[in-house]
N, C-alpha and C. Protein backbone atom coordinates (compact mmCIF):
# COMPACT_ATOMS: atom_id res chain seq x y z
N MET A 1 26.62 -75.11 -74.04
CA MET A 1 27.77 -75.76 -74.15
C MET A 1 28.57 -73.92 -74.46
N LYS A 2 29.53 -74.32 -73.62
CA LYS A 2 30.44 -73.36 -73.45
C LYS A 2 31.83 -73.06 -73.84
N ILE A 3 32.54 -72.02 -74.74
CA ILE A 3 33.52 -72.01 -74.82
C ILE A 3 34.92 -71.29 -74.54
N LYS A 4 35.34 -71.76 -73.73
CA LYS A 4 36.52 -70.50 -72.81
C LYS A 4 37.97 -70.70 -73.63
N TYR A 5 38.90 -69.56 -73.88
CA TYR A 5 40.06 -69.07 -74.77
C TYR A 5 40.71 -68.89 -74.04
N PHE A 6 41.84 -69.47 -73.42
CA PHE A 6 43.03 -69.03 -72.49
C PHE A 6 43.90 -68.26 -73.46
N ALA A 7 43.90 -67.07 -73.72
CA ALA A 7 45.02 -66.66 -74.51
C ALA A 7 46.62 -66.88 -74.30
N GLU A 8 46.93 -66.58 -72.59
CA GLU A 8 47.99 -67.02 -72.31
C GLU A 8 48.70 -68.06 -72.63
N THR A 9 47.72 -69.50 -73.05
CA THR A 9 48.81 -70.82 -73.19
C THR A 9 48.09 -70.54 -74.32
N ASP A 10 46.90 -70.12 -75.41
CA ASP A 10 46.98 -70.20 -76.46
C ASP A 10 46.18 -71.77 -76.52
N THR A 11 45.02 -72.20 -75.32
CA THR A 11 44.02 -73.20 -75.33
C THR A 11 42.76 -72.87 -75.30
N ALA A 12 41.92 -73.57 -75.85
CA ALA A 12 40.86 -73.50 -75.88
C ALA A 12 39.70 -74.89 -75.57
N LEU A 13 38.96 -74.64 -74.45
CA LEU A 13 38.20 -75.26 -73.84
C LEU A 13 36.59 -75.55 -73.81
N VAL A 14 36.42 -76.16 -74.34
CA VAL A 14 35.01 -76.66 -75.06
C VAL A 14 34.15 -77.69 -73.92
N GLU A 15 33.12 -77.29 -73.14
CA GLU A 15 32.40 -77.74 -72.67
C GLU A 15 31.08 -78.26 -72.89
N PHE A 16 30.50 -79.30 -73.11
CA PHE A 16 29.53 -79.83 -73.35
C PHE A 16 28.35 -79.72 -72.44
N SER A 17 28.69 -80.35 -71.37
CA SER A 17 27.77 -80.77 -70.13
C SER A 17 28.62 -80.11 -68.76
N GLU A 18 27.95 -80.14 -67.73
CA GLU A 18 28.36 -80.36 -66.46
C GLU A 18 28.55 -81.19 -65.72
N HIS A 19 28.57 -82.59 -66.44
CA HIS A 19 28.79 -83.74 -65.25
C HIS A 19 30.34 -83.98 -64.71
N ALA A 20 30.75 -85.21 -63.95
CA ALA A 20 31.82 -84.53 -63.41
C ALA A 20 32.54 -86.04 -64.32
N VAL A 21 33.86 -85.52 -64.56
CA VAL A 21 34.40 -86.14 -65.71
C VAL A 21 34.93 -87.35 -64.50
N SER A 22 35.06 -88.27 -65.64
CA SER A 22 35.60 -89.70 -65.24
C SER A 22 36.92 -90.17 -65.54
N GLU A 23 37.11 -89.86 -67.05
CA GLU A 23 37.82 -90.35 -67.98
C GLU A 23 38.54 -89.12 -68.36
N THR A 24 39.57 -88.84 -69.12
CA THR A 24 40.80 -88.03 -69.96
C THR A 24 40.89 -89.19 -71.00
N ARG A 25 40.92 -88.72 -71.78
CA ARG A 25 41.55 -89.57 -73.54
C ARG A 25 42.11 -88.56 -74.04
N GLU A 26 43.47 -88.89 -74.36
CA GLU A 26 44.16 -88.33 -75.58
C GLU A 26 43.88 -88.65 -77.05
N ILE A 27 43.53 -87.54 -77.51
CA ILE A 27 43.46 -88.06 -78.99
C ILE A 27 44.07 -88.05 -79.89
N ASN A 28 45.32 -86.88 -79.53
CA ASN A 28 46.68 -86.67 -80.15
C ASN A 28 47.31 -85.57 -78.98
N GLU A 29 48.51 -85.07 -79.45
CA GLU A 29 49.26 -84.70 -78.10
C GLU A 29 48.65 -83.31 -78.05
N ASN A 30 48.05 -82.69 -79.01
CA ASN A 30 47.29 -81.47 -78.52
C ASN A 30 45.93 -81.28 -77.81
N ILE A 31 44.90 -82.34 -78.17
CA ILE A 31 43.64 -82.49 -77.97
C ILE A 31 43.25 -83.83 -76.97
N TYR A 32 42.45 -83.60 -76.28
CA TYR A 32 41.75 -84.23 -75.07
C TYR A 32 40.23 -83.90 -74.82
N VAL A 33 39.76 -84.97 -74.15
CA VAL A 33 38.28 -85.50 -74.50
C VAL A 33 38.10 -85.69 -73.07
N ASP A 34 37.32 -84.90 -72.43
CA ASP A 34 36.83 -85.81 -71.15
C ASP A 34 35.44 -86.18 -71.08
N LEU A 35 35.20 -87.41 -70.52
CA LEU A 35 34.32 -88.08 -70.62
C LEU A 35 33.57 -88.64 -68.99
N ASP A 36 32.53 -88.92 -69.02
CA ASP A 36 31.39 -88.91 -67.49
C ASP A 36 31.87 -90.22 -67.31
N ALA A 37 30.88 -91.01 -66.15
CA ALA A 37 31.53 -92.25 -66.54
C ALA A 37 30.57 -93.01 -66.97
N ASP A 38 28.97 -92.52 -68.06
CA ASP A 38 28.72 -93.12 -68.95
C ASP A 38 29.45 -93.38 -70.13
N GLY A 39 30.63 -92.64 -70.33
CA GLY A 39 31.12 -92.59 -71.70
C GLY A 39 30.72 -91.26 -72.21
N ASN A 40 30.07 -90.85 -71.72
CA ASN A 40 29.58 -89.61 -72.69
C ASN A 40 30.26 -88.15 -72.38
N LEU A 41 30.83 -87.87 -73.85
CA LEU A 41 30.98 -86.45 -74.23
C LEU A 41 30.86 -85.09 -72.57
N VAL A 42 32.21 -84.53 -72.08
CA VAL A 42 31.87 -83.59 -71.09
C VAL A 42 32.70 -82.33 -71.66
N SER A 43 33.73 -82.37 -72.09
CA SER A 43 34.25 -81.21 -72.57
C SER A 43 35.38 -82.20 -73.18
N MET A 44 36.07 -80.59 -74.20
CA MET A 44 37.38 -80.89 -74.84
C MET A 44 38.42 -80.13 -75.27
N THR A 45 39.70 -80.16 -73.99
CA THR A 45 40.42 -79.17 -74.41
C THR A 45 41.12 -79.92 -75.56
N ILE A 46 41.39 -78.17 -76.24
CA ILE A 46 42.46 -77.90 -77.35
C ILE A 46 43.60 -77.02 -77.23
N GLU A 47 45.02 -77.32 -77.33
CA GLU A 47 46.26 -77.27 -77.10
C GLU A 47 46.63 -76.14 -78.43
N HIS A 48 47.42 -75.39 -78.23
CA HIS A 48 47.59 -74.48 -79.64
C HIS A 48 46.55 -74.38 -80.44
N ALA A 49 45.40 -73.74 -79.94
CA ALA A 49 44.44 -73.75 -80.59
C ALA A 49 44.10 -72.97 -81.76
N ALA A 50 45.29 -71.66 -82.02
CA ALA A 50 45.42 -70.86 -82.78
C ALA A 50 45.66 -71.44 -84.39
N SER A 51 46.80 -72.67 -83.95
CA SER A 51 47.00 -73.55 -85.01
C SER A 51 45.66 -74.68 -85.34
N GLN A 52 45.17 -75.07 -84.22
CA GLN A 52 44.54 -76.07 -84.24
C GLN A 52 43.27 -76.14 -84.91
N ALA A 53 42.67 -75.13 -84.16
CA ALA A 53 41.21 -74.90 -84.56
C ALA A 53 40.57 -73.79 -85.08
N ASN A 54 41.45 -72.73 -85.43
CA ASN A 54 41.27 -72.06 -85.87
C ASN A 54 40.29 -71.00 -85.18
N ILE A 55 40.91 -70.66 -83.75
CA ILE A 55 39.90 -69.67 -82.98
C ILE A 55 39.55 -68.80 -82.99
N ALA A 56 40.04 -68.06 -84.09
CA ALA A 56 39.84 -66.66 -84.00
C ALA A 56 38.56 -66.31 -84.59
N GLU A 57 37.84 -67.47 -85.20
CA GLU A 57 36.23 -67.36 -86.05
C GLU A 57 35.67 -68.39 -85.29
N VAL A 58 34.75 -68.25 -84.49
CA VAL A 58 33.70 -69.33 -84.23
C VAL A 58 32.04 -68.68 -84.87
N ALA A 59 31.74 -69.98 -84.78
CA ALA A 59 29.91 -69.86 -85.32
C ALA A 59 29.35 -70.91 -85.26
N TYR A 60 27.92 -70.70 -84.89
CA TYR A 60 27.27 -71.65 -84.68
C TYR A 60 26.18 -71.68 -85.16
N GLN A 61 25.50 -72.59 -86.13
CA GLN A 61 24.54 -72.56 -86.59
C GLN A 61 23.42 -74.01 -86.67
N GLN A 62 22.34 -73.37 -86.38
CA GLN A 62 21.23 -75.30 -86.06
C GLN A 62 20.57 -75.42 -87.27
N ILE A 63 20.62 -76.31 -87.38
CA ILE A 63 19.79 -77.23 -88.45
C ILE A 63 18.69 -77.67 -88.21
N GLY A 64 17.69 -77.88 -88.13
CA GLY A 64 16.63 -78.14 -87.99
C GLY A 64 16.18 -78.17 -86.52
N PRO A 65 14.96 -79.17 -86.10
CA PRO A 65 14.85 -78.66 -84.70
C PRO A 65 15.74 -79.47 -83.81
N VAL A 66 15.57 -78.67 -82.47
CA VAL A 66 16.51 -79.26 -81.16
C VAL A 66 16.02 -80.60 -80.89
N ALA A 67 16.83 -81.70 -80.99
CA ALA A 67 16.54 -82.99 -80.48
C ALA A 67 15.86 -82.96 -79.04
N GLY A 68 15.03 -83.42 -78.52
CA GLY A 68 14.71 -83.28 -77.47
C GLY A 68 14.08 -85.19 -76.56
């Protein structure tokens, strides 16, 4: 997973996979998700990320073993 933050537009892009995007769905006026041909999540775009997602602080915590 990769998180990219574009300060000039206050946009966050969270990439979950490198699959080709087949469809983009609008969740609301600030959040969009990209899906592959099988409906799996590829990425999520968050506009106005400073107020929508508290982008100033990002943390990762793994609970339990990684599913394989």
